Amino acid sequence: MSTSTSKSAWILAGGILFGLLLLGLTLGQSLIRFKEYERTVTVKGLSERNVPADTALWPVTFAASGNELSAVYTQLEKDSGKVRQFLLDKGFRAEEITLSAPNVNDKGQYADDNRGGLRYYATQTATVYTKNIDLVRAMNTQIAELGKQGVGVGGGYQSTDYQFSGLNALKPQMIEEATRNARQVAQKFAEDSNSKLGKIKSASQGQFSLEARDANTPHIKAVRVVATVEYYLSD
């Protein structure tokens, strides 16, 4: 091997070695920066609203009993007319009132015969579907008027179902508020740990919940959503 060839080989080897060292240093620094960049904090932000219900589903159940089935049906027919007229007189519209089919329970021909029990027991329900929440609530103290007319109200317990239909309109601002609250929590964490809060790495929105605020005010609905956000941290 000539002197010039040997010299070229050493130069080439040196260049390769230097390149490998430089590459290793660069990768090492990049790895350190990557690990630093991967420091994160995961926080949750809450948004809540109390909103009034805008729709009510109010069932009015009444009952009749007897040993003659035809008489029981006749009584239900009379009572259903009284219930319907009562609701109309109180201010509900005809299209808001729906009458269910009678539900008849036959105890059998000889049931309770020795005790003078009645064979047939039947119930029927007039359901009011309305946006007049105040009127429905006022009925709690007025429904007894039907009893004075001889209507057996309360043959089956069904509570009033208060509903809220404006959830979609609330979602954008509530999600924004939940995310903003999450960032405030993350910012406090970053300050306490002598770090700087970076960009969002990931975020997820929980399910919206809609339920009565409490047992005494079912017409007031509590809307709730939680946002989970992961932020990058840096020194």
C-alpha atoms as a PDB file:
ATOM      1  CA  MET A   1       0.000   0.000   0.000  1.00  0.00           C
ATOM      2  CA  SER A   2       1.401   3.403  -0.971  1.00  0.00           C
ATOM      3  CA  THR A   3       1.872   6.222   1.487  1.00  0.00           C
ATOM      4  CA  SER A   4      -0.819   8.363  -0.244  1.00  0.00           C
ATOM      5  CA  THR A   5      -3.326   5.504  -0.153  1.00  0.00           C
ATOM      6  CA  SER A   6      -2.707   4.871   3.544  1.00  0.00           C
ATOM      7  CA  LYS A   7      -3.095   8.549   4.296  1.00  0.00           C
ATOM      8  CA  SER A   8      -6.409   8.696   2.430  1.00  0.00           C
ATOM      9  CA  ALA A   9      -7.684   5.700   4.341  1.00  0.00           C
ATOM     10  CA  TRP A  10      -6.845   7.321   7.662  1.00  0.00           C
ATOM     11  CA  ILE A  11      -8.549  10.505   6.623  1.00  0.00           C
ATOM     12  CA  LEU A  12     -11.655   8.581   5.564  1.00  0.00           C
ATOM     13  CA  ALA A  13     -11.708   6.615   8.804  1.00  0.00           C
ATOM     14  CA  GLY A  14     -11.275   9.780  10.811  1.00  0.00           C
ATOM     15  CA  GLY A  15     -14.103  11.464   8.934  1.00  0.00           C
ATOM     16  CA  ILE A  16     -16.408   8.519   9.558  1.00  0.00           C
ATOM     17  CA  LEU A  17     -15.522   8.451  13.247  1.00  0.00           C
ATOM     18  CA  PHE A  18     -16.073  12.185  13.601  1.00  0.00           C
ATOM     19  CA  GLY A  19     -19.408  11.879  11.824  1.00  0.00           C
ATOM     20  CA  LEU A  20     -20.519   9.090  14.130  1.00  0.00           C
ATOM     21  CA  LEU A  21     -19.538  11.090  17.197  1.00  0.00           C
ATOM     22  CA  LEU A  22     -21.388  14.124  15.903  1.00  0.00           C
ATOM     23  CA  LEU A  23     -24.440  12.025  15.099  1.00  0.00           C
ATOM     24  CA  GLY A  24     -24.403  10.450  18.558  1.00  0.00           C
ATOM     25  CA  LEU A  25     -24.157  13.851  20.208  1.00  0.00           C
ATOM     26  CA  THR A  26     -26.998  15.212  18.130  1.00  0.00           C
ATOM     27  CA  LEU A  27     -29.236  12.220  18.833  1.00  0.00           C
ATOM     28  CA  GLY A  28     -28.389  12.413  22.519  1.00  0.00           C
ATOM     29  CA  GLN A  29     -29.364  16.069  22.719  1.00  0.00           C
ATOM     30  CA  SER A  30     -32.529  15.421  20.754  1.00  0.00           C
ATOM     31  CA  LEU A  31     -33.442  12.565  23.109  1.00  0.00           C
ATOM     32  CA  ILE A  32     -32.902  14.800  26.128  1.00  0.00           C
ATOM     33  CA  ARG A  33     -35.045  17.525  24.606  1.00  0.00           C
ATOM     34  CA  PHE A  34     -37.685  14.962  23.683  1.00  0.00           C
ATOM     35  CA  LYS A  35     -37.829  13.622  27.225  1.00  0.00           C
ATOM     36  CA  GLU A  36     -38.073  17.139  28.603  1.00  0.00           C
ATOM     37  CA  TYR A  37     -40.865  17.904  26.159  1.00  0.00           C
ATOM     38  CA  GLU A  38     -42.734  14.776  27.235  1.00  0.00           C
ATOM     39  CA  ARG A  39     -43.271  16.045  30.787  1.00  0.00           C
ATOM     40  CA  THR A  40     -47.026  16.420  31.117  1.00  0.00           C
ATOM     41  CA  VAL A  41     -49.780  17.068  33.609  1.00  0.00           C
ATOM     42  CA  THR A  42     -53.361  15.779  33.314  1.00  0.00           C
ATOM     43  CA  VAL A  43     -56.145  17.842  34.862  1.00  0.00           C
ATOM     44  CA  LYS A  44     -59.941  17.932  34.912  1.00  0.00           C
ATOM     45  CA  GLY A  45     -62.170  20.963  34.468  1.00  0.00           C
ATOM     46  CA  LEU A  46     -65.806  21.137  35.542  1.00  0.00           C
ATOM     47  CA  SER A  47     -68.705  23.176  34.196  1.00  0.00           C
ATOM     48  CA  GLU A  48     -72.117  23.218  35.881  1.00  0.00           C
ATOM     49  CA  ARG A  49     -75.426  24.960  35.234  1.00  0.00           C
ATOM     50  CA  ASN A  50     -78.787  25.016  37.017  1.00  0.00           C
ATOM     51  CA  VAL A  51     -81.557  25.430  34.459  1.00  0.00           C
ATOM     52  CA  PRO A  52     -85.364  25.389  34.732  1.00  0.00           C
ATOM     53  CA  ALA A  53     -87.181  22.511  33.058  1.00  0.00           C
ATOM     54  CA  ASP A  54     -89.073  23.525  29.924  1.00  0.00           C
ATOM     55  CA  THR A  55     -91.357  20.506  29.526  1.00  0.00           C
ATOM     56  CA  ALA A  56     -93.438  18.447  31.938  1.00  0.00           C
ATOM     57  CA  LEU A  57     -94.898  14.965  31.544  1.00  0.00           C
ATOM     58  CA  TRP A  58     -97.620  14.683  34.202  1.00  0.00           C
ATOM     59  CA  PRO A  59     -99.631  11.451  34.555  1.00  0.00           C
ATOM     60  CA  VAL A  60    -102.992  11.541  36.351  1.00  0.00           C
ATOM     61  CA  THR A  61    -104.026   7.989  37.215  1.00  0.00           C
ATOM     62  CA  PHE A  62    -107.520   7.131  38.445  1.00  0.00           C
ATOM     63  CA  ALA A  63    -109.135   3.840  39.388  1.00  0.00           C
ATOM     64  CA  ALA A  64    -112.473   1.993  39.573  1.00  0.00           C
ATOM     65  CA  SER A  65    -113.438  -1.394  40.978  1.00  0.00           C
ATOM     66  CA  GLY A  66    -116.414  -3.721  41.083  1.00  0.00           C
ATOM     67  CA  ASN A  67    -117.695  -7.233  40.487  1.00  0.00           C
ATOM     68  CA  GLU A  68    -119.276  -6.436  37.105  1.00  0.00           C
ATOM     69  CA  LEU A  69    -116.743  -5.712  34.373  1.00  0.00           C
ATOM     70  CA  SER A  70    -119.166  -3.630  32.340  1.00  0.00           C
ATOM     71  CA  ALA A  71    -119.879  -1.443  35.357  1.00  0.00           C
ATOM     72  CA  VAL A  72    -116.172  -0.932  35.950  1.00  0.00           C
ATOM     73  CA  TYR A  73    -115.666   0.199  32.345  1.00  0.00           C
ATOM     74  CA  THR A  74    -118.671   2.503  32.610  1.00  0.00           C
ATOM     75  CA  GLN A  75    -117.248   4.082  35.745  1.00  0.00           C
ATOM     76  CA  LEU A  76    -113.836   4.604  34.074  1.00  0.00           C
ATOM     77  CA  GLU A  77    -115.534   6.230  31.095  1.00  0.00           C
ATOM     78  CA  LYS A  78    -117.377   8.674  33.351  1.00  0.00           C
ATOM     79  CA  ASP A  79    -114.256   9.418  35.386  1.00  0.00           C
ATOM     80  CA  SER A  80    -112.087   9.951  32.314  1.00  0.00           C
ATOM     81  CA  GLY A  81    -114.550  12.592  31.135  1.00  0.00           C
ATOM     82  CA  LYS A  82    -114.370  14.325  34.507  1.00  0.00           C
ATOM     83  CA  VAL A  83    -110.565  14.223  34.521  1.00  0.00           C
ATOM     84  CA  ARG A  84    -110.336  15.600  30.998  1.00  0.00           C
ATOM     85  CA  GLN A  85    -112.765  18.420  31.745  1.00  0.00           C
ATOM     86  CA  PHE A  86    -110.925  19.208  34.975  1.00  0.00           C
ATOM     87  CA  LEU A  87    -107.644  19.583  33.077  1.00  0.00           C
ATOM     88  CA  LEU A  88    -109.245  21.758  30.403  1.00  0.00           C
ATOM     89  CA  ASP A  89    -110.838  23.982  33.046  1.00  0.00           C
ATOM     90  CA  LYS A  90    -107.461  24.475  34.708  1.00  0.00           C
ATOM     91  CA  GLY A  91    -105.922  25.791  31.500  1.00  0.00           C
ATOM     92  CA  PHE A  92    -104.369  22.814  29.721  1.00  0.00           C
ATOM     93  CA  ARG A  93    -104.996  22.507  25.985  1.00  0.00           C
ATOM     94  CA  ALA A  94    -106.845  19.543  24.511  1.00  0.00           C
ATOM     95  CA  GLU A  95    -103.847  18.526  22.393  1.00  0.00           C
ATOM     96  CA  GLU A  96    -101.711  18.313  25.545  1.00  0.00           C
ATOM     97  CA  ILE A  97    -103.919  15.586  27.072  1.00  0.00           C
ATOM     98  CA  THR A  98    -103.609  11.901  26.139  1.00  0.00           C
ATOM     99  CA  LEU A  99    -105.785   9.135  27.598  1.00  0.00           C
ATOM    100  CA  SER A 100    -104.369   5.616  27.932  1.00  0.00           C
ATOM    101  CA  ALA A 101    -106.296   2.368  27.517  1.00  0.00           C
ATOM    102  CA  PRO A 102    -107.788   0.941  30.735  1.00  0.00           C
ATOM    103  CA  ASN A 103    -105.679  -1.574  32.648  1.00  0.00           C
ATOM    104  CA  VAL A 104    -107.952  -4.186  34.258  1.00  0.00           C
ATOM    105  CA  ASN A 105    -106.891  -6.656  36.928  1.00  0.00           C
ATOM    106  CA  ASP A 106    -109.198  -9.678  37.287  1.00  0.00           C
ATOM    107  CA  LYS A 107    -108.736 -11.330  40.689  1.00  0.00           C
ATOM    108  CA  GLY A 108    -110.776 -14.321  39.622  1.00  0.00           C
ATOM    109  CA  GLN A 109    -114.373 -15.370  40.090  1.00  0.00           C
ATOM    110  CA  TYR A 110    -113.935 -16.566  43.669  1.00  0.00           C
ATOM    111  CA  ALA A 111    -111.219 -14.161  44.822  1.00  0.00           C
ATOM    112  CA  ASP A 112    -111.874 -12.680  48.266  1.00  0.00           C
ATOM    113  CA  ASP A 113    -115.421 -14.025  48.064  1.00  0.00           C
ATOM    114  CA  ASN A 114    -115.651 -14.696  51.786  1.00  0.00           C
ATOM    115  CA  ARG A 115    -114.478 -11.201  52.634  1.00  0.00           C
ATOM    116  CA  GLY A 116    -116.690  -9.395  50.200  1.00  0.00           C
ATOM    117  CA  GLY A 117    -113.779  -8.388  47.971  1.00  0.00           C
ATOM    118  CA  LEU A 118    -114.316  -6.911  44.512  1.00  0.00           C
ATOM    119  CA  ARG A 119    -113.280  -8.983  41.522  1.00  0.00           C
ATOM    120  CA  TYR A 120    -112.187  -6.273  39.108  1.00  0.00           C
ATOM    121  CA  TYR A 121    -109.777  -3.442  39.740  1.00  0.00           C
ATOM    122  CA  ALA A 122    -109.022  -1.112  36.828  1.00  0.00           C
ATOM    123  CA  THR A 123    -106.856   1.953  36.306  1.00  0.00           C
ATOM    124  CA  GLN A 124    -106.546   4.503  33.536  1.00  0.00           C
ATOM    125  CA  THR A 125    -104.131   7.404  33.050  1.00  0.00           C
ATOM    126  CA  ALA A 126    -104.587  10.837  31.541  1.00  0.00           C
ATOM    127  CA  THR A 127    -101.122  12.141  30.633  1.00  0.00           C
ATOM    128  CA  VAL A 128    -100.434  15.845  30.225  1.00  0.00           C
ATOM    129  CA  TYR A 129     -97.448  16.776  28.062  1.00  0.00           C
ATOM    130  CA  THR A 130     -96.942  20.526  28.323  1.00  0.00           C
ATOM    131  CA  LYS A 131     -94.441  23.368  28.522  1.00  0.00           C
ATOM    132  CA  ASN A 132     -96.531  25.127  31.161  1.00  0.00           C
ATOM    133  CA  ILE A 133     -94.364  24.115  34.120  1.00  0.00           C
ATOM    134  CA  ASP A 134     -95.952  26.546  36.570  1.00  0.00           C
ATOM    135  CA  LEU A 135     -99.434  25.214  35.864  1.00  0.00           C
ATOM    136  CA  VAL A 136     -98.338  21.610  36.410  1.00  0.00           C
ATOM    137  CA  ARG A 137     -96.729  22.513  39.729  1.00  0.00           C
ATOM    138  CA  ALA A 138     -99.888  24.316  40.825  1.00  0.00           C
ATOM    139  CA  MET A 139    -101.877  21.085  40.341  1.00  0.00           C
ATOM    140  CA  ASN A 140    -100.256  19.531  43.420  1.00  0.00           C
ATOM    141  CA  THR A 141    -102.717  21.468  45.583  1.00  0.00           C
ATOM    142  CA  GLN A 142    -105.693  21.275  43.217  1.00  0.00           C
ATOM    143  CA  ILE A 143    -105.824  17.644  42.142  1.00  0.00           C
ATOM    144  CA  ALA A 144    -107.902  16.842  45.256  1.00  0.00           C
ATOM    145  CA  GLU A 145    -110.826  18.565  43.539  1.00  0.00           C
ATOM    146  CA  LEU A 146    -111.248  15.424  41.444  1.00  0.00           C
ATOM    147  CA  GLY A 147    -111.741  13.383  44.602  1.00  0.00           C
ATOM    148  CA  LYS A 148    -114.617  15.653  45.574  1.00  0.00           C
ATOM    149  CA  GLN A 149    -116.203  14.766  42.224  1.00  0.00           C
ATOM    150  CA  GLY A 150    -116.018  11.067  43.089  1.00  0.00           C
ATOM    151  CA  VAL A 151    -112.947  10.252  40.981  1.00  0.00           C
ATOM    152  CA  GLY A 152    -110.557   7.788  42.601  1.00  0.00           C
ATOM    153  CA  VAL A 153    -107.326   9.614  41.759  1.00  0.00           C
ATOM    154  CA  GLY A 154    -104.052   7.903  42.567  1.00  0.00           C
ATOM    155  CA  GLY A 155    -104.739   4.362  41.430  1.00  0.00           C
ATOM    156  CA  GLY A 156    -101.061   4.051  40.502  1.00  0.00           C
ATOM    157  CA  TYR A 157     -98.168   6.244  41.618  1.00  0.00           C
ATOM    158  CA  GLN A 158     -96.362   8.005  38.811  1.00  0.00           C
ATOM    159  CA  SER A 159     -94.285  11.091  39.482  1.00  0.00           C
ATOM    160  CA  THR A 160     -94.141  14.083  37.170  1.00  0.00           C
ATOM    161  CA  ASP A 161     -91.252  13.918  34.722  1.00  0.00           C
ATOM    162  CA  TYR A 162     -89.677  17.348  34.234  1.00  0.00           C
ATOM    163  CA  GLN A 163     -87.477  17.644  31.147  1.00  0.00           C
ATOM    164  CA  PHE A 164     -85.038  20.150  29.673  1.00  0.00           C
ATOM    165  CA  SER A 165     -84.676  20.274  25.885  1.00  0.00           C
ATOM    166  CA  GLY A 166     -82.085  23.048  25.522  1.00  0.00           C
ATOM    167  CA  LEU A 167     -78.962  20.998  26.232  1.00  0.00           C
ATOM    168  CA  ASN A 168     -77.474  21.318  22.739  1.00  0.00           C
ATOM    169  CA  ALA A 169     -77.507  25.107  22.997  1.00  0.00           C
ATOM    170  CA  LEU A 170     -75.568  24.945  26.284  1.00  0.00           C
ATOM    171  CA  LYS A 171     -72.905  22.463  25.185  1.00  0.00           C
ATOM    172  CA  PRO A 172     -70.441  24.805  23.368  1.00  0.00           C
ATOM    173  CA  GLN A 173     -70.152  27.347  26.201  1.00  0.00           C
ATOM    174  CA  MET A 174     -70.025  24.660  28.884  1.00  0.00           C
ATOM    175  CA  ILE A 175     -67.246  22.772  27.093  1.00  0.00           C
ATOM    176  CA  GLU A 176     -65.345  26.053  26.749  1.00  0.00           C
ATOM    177  CA  GLU A 177     -65.789  26.773  30.452  1.00  0.00           C
ATOM    178  CA  ALA A 178     -64.715  23.265  31.493  1.00  0.00           C
ATOM    179  CA  THR A 179     -61.575  23.533  29.330  1.00  0.00           C
ATOM    180  CA  ARG A 180     -60.783  26.972  30.737  1.00  0.00           C
ATOM    181  CA  ASN A 181     -61.160  25.682  34.281  1.00  0.00           C
ATOM    182  CA  ALA A 182     -58.876  22.764  33.477  1.00  0.00           C
ATOM    183  CA  ARG A 183     -56.201  25.150  32.206  1.00  0.00           C
ATOM    184  CA  GLN A 184     -56.414  27.195  35.420  1.00  0.00           C
ATOM    185  CA  VAL A 185     -55.763  24.053  37.449  1.00  0.00           C
ATOM    186  CA  ALA A 186     -52.868  23.069  35.188  1.00  0.00           C
ATOM    187  CA  GLN A 187     -51.398  26.581  35.391  1.00  0.00           C
ATOM    188  CA  LYS A 188     -51.451  26.427  39.195  1.00  0.00           C
ATOM    189  CA  PHE A 189     -49.752  23.031  39.112  1.00  0.00           C
ATOM    190  CA  ALA A 190     -47.069  24.348  36.773  1.00  0.00           C
ATOM    191  CA  GLU A 191     -46.389  27.349  39.012  1.00  0.00           C
ATOM    192  CA  ASP A 192     -46.152  25.172  42.124  1.00  0.00           C
ATOM    193  CA  SER A 193     -43.649  22.867  40.392  1.00  0.00           C
ATOM    194  CA  ASN A 194     -41.569  25.729  38.926  1.00  0.00           C
ATOM    195  CA  SER A 195     -42.545  24.724  35.402  1.00  0.00           C
ATOM    196  CA  LYS A 196     -44.057  26.422  32.423  1.00  0.00           C
ATOM    197  CA  LEU A 197     -47.352  25.280  30.979  1.00  0.00           C
ATOM    198  CA  GLY A 198     -47.151  24.272  27.325  1.00  0.00           C
ATOM    199  CA  LYS A 199     -49.600  23.254  24.660  1.00  0.00           C
ATOM    200  CA  ILE A 200     -52.355  20.678  24.944  1.00  0.00           C
ATOM    201  CA  LYS A 201     -51.176  17.136  24.279  1.00  0.00           C
ATOM    202  CA  SER A 202     -54.617  15.525  24.428  1.00  0.00           C
ATOM    203  CA  ALA A 203     -58.124  16.358  25.558  1.00  0.00           C
ATOM    204  CA  SER A 204     -61.351  14.444  26.091  1.00  0.00           C
ATOM    205  CA  GLN A 205     -64.876  15.492  26.963  1.00  0.00           C
ATOM    206  CA  GLY A 206     -66.965  13.512  29.412  1.00  0.00           C
ATOM    207  CA  GLN A 207     -70.665  12.790  29.042  1.00  0.00           C
ATOM    208  CA  PHE A 208     -73.125  15.548  29.867  1.00  0.00           C
ATOM    209  CA  SER A 209     -75.290  14.685  32.868  1.00  0.00           C
ATOM    210  CA  LEU A 210     -78.784  16.104  33.309  1.00  0.00           C
ATOM    211  CA  GLU A 211     -80.675  15.398  36.523  1.00  0.00           C
ATOM    212  CA  ALA A 212     -82.857  17.018  39.150  1.00  0.00           C
ATOM    213  CA  ARG A 213     -80.933  19.503  41.284  1.00  0.00           C
ATOM    214  CA  ASP A 214     -82.412  17.830  44.370  1.00  0.00           C
ATOM    215  CA  ALA A 215     -85.422  15.796  45.456  1.00  0.00           C
ATOM    216  CA  ASN A 216     -87.437  18.867  46.441  1.00  0.00           C
ATOM    217  CA  THR A 217     -87.004  20.762  43.158  1.00  0.00           C
ATOM    218  CA  PRO A 218     -87.304  18.254  40.294  1.00  0.00           C
ATOM    219  CA  HIS A 219     -88.283  21.132  37.977  1.00  0.00           C
ATOM    220  CA  ILE A 220     -84.756  22.575  38.344  1.00  0.00           C
ATOM    221  CA  LYS A 221     -82.180  20.615  36.378  1.00  0.00           C
ATOM    222  CA  ALA A 222     -78.456  20.396  37.104  1.00  0.00           C
ATOM    223  CA  VAL A 223     -76.361  20.132  33.942  1.00  0.00           C
ATOM    224  CA  ARG A 224     -72.764  18.955  34.385  1.00  0.00           C
ATOM    225  CA  VAL A 225     -69.779  18.091  32.191  1.00  0.00           C
ATOM    226  CA  VAL A 226     -66.118  17.327  32.926  1.00  0.00           C
ATOM    227  CA  ALA A 227     -63.266  17.929  30.474  1.00  0.00           C
ATOM    228  CA  THR A 228     -59.978  16.008  30.875  1.00  0.00           C
ATOM    229  CA  VAL A 229     -56.941  17.791  29.392  1.00  0.00           C
ATOM    230  CA  GLU A 230     -53.262  16.797  29.264  1.00  0.00           C
ATOM    231  CA  TYR A 231     -50.735  19.645  28.965  1.00  0.00           C
ATOM    232  CA  TYR A 232     -47.013  19.654  28.224  1.00  0.00           C
ATOM    233  CA  LEU A 233     -44.681  21.058  30.883  1.00  0.00           C
ATOM    234  CA  SER A 234     -41.241  22.602  30.453  1.00  0.00           C
ATOM    235  CA  ASP A 235     -38.637  24.264  32.702  1.00  0.00           C
END
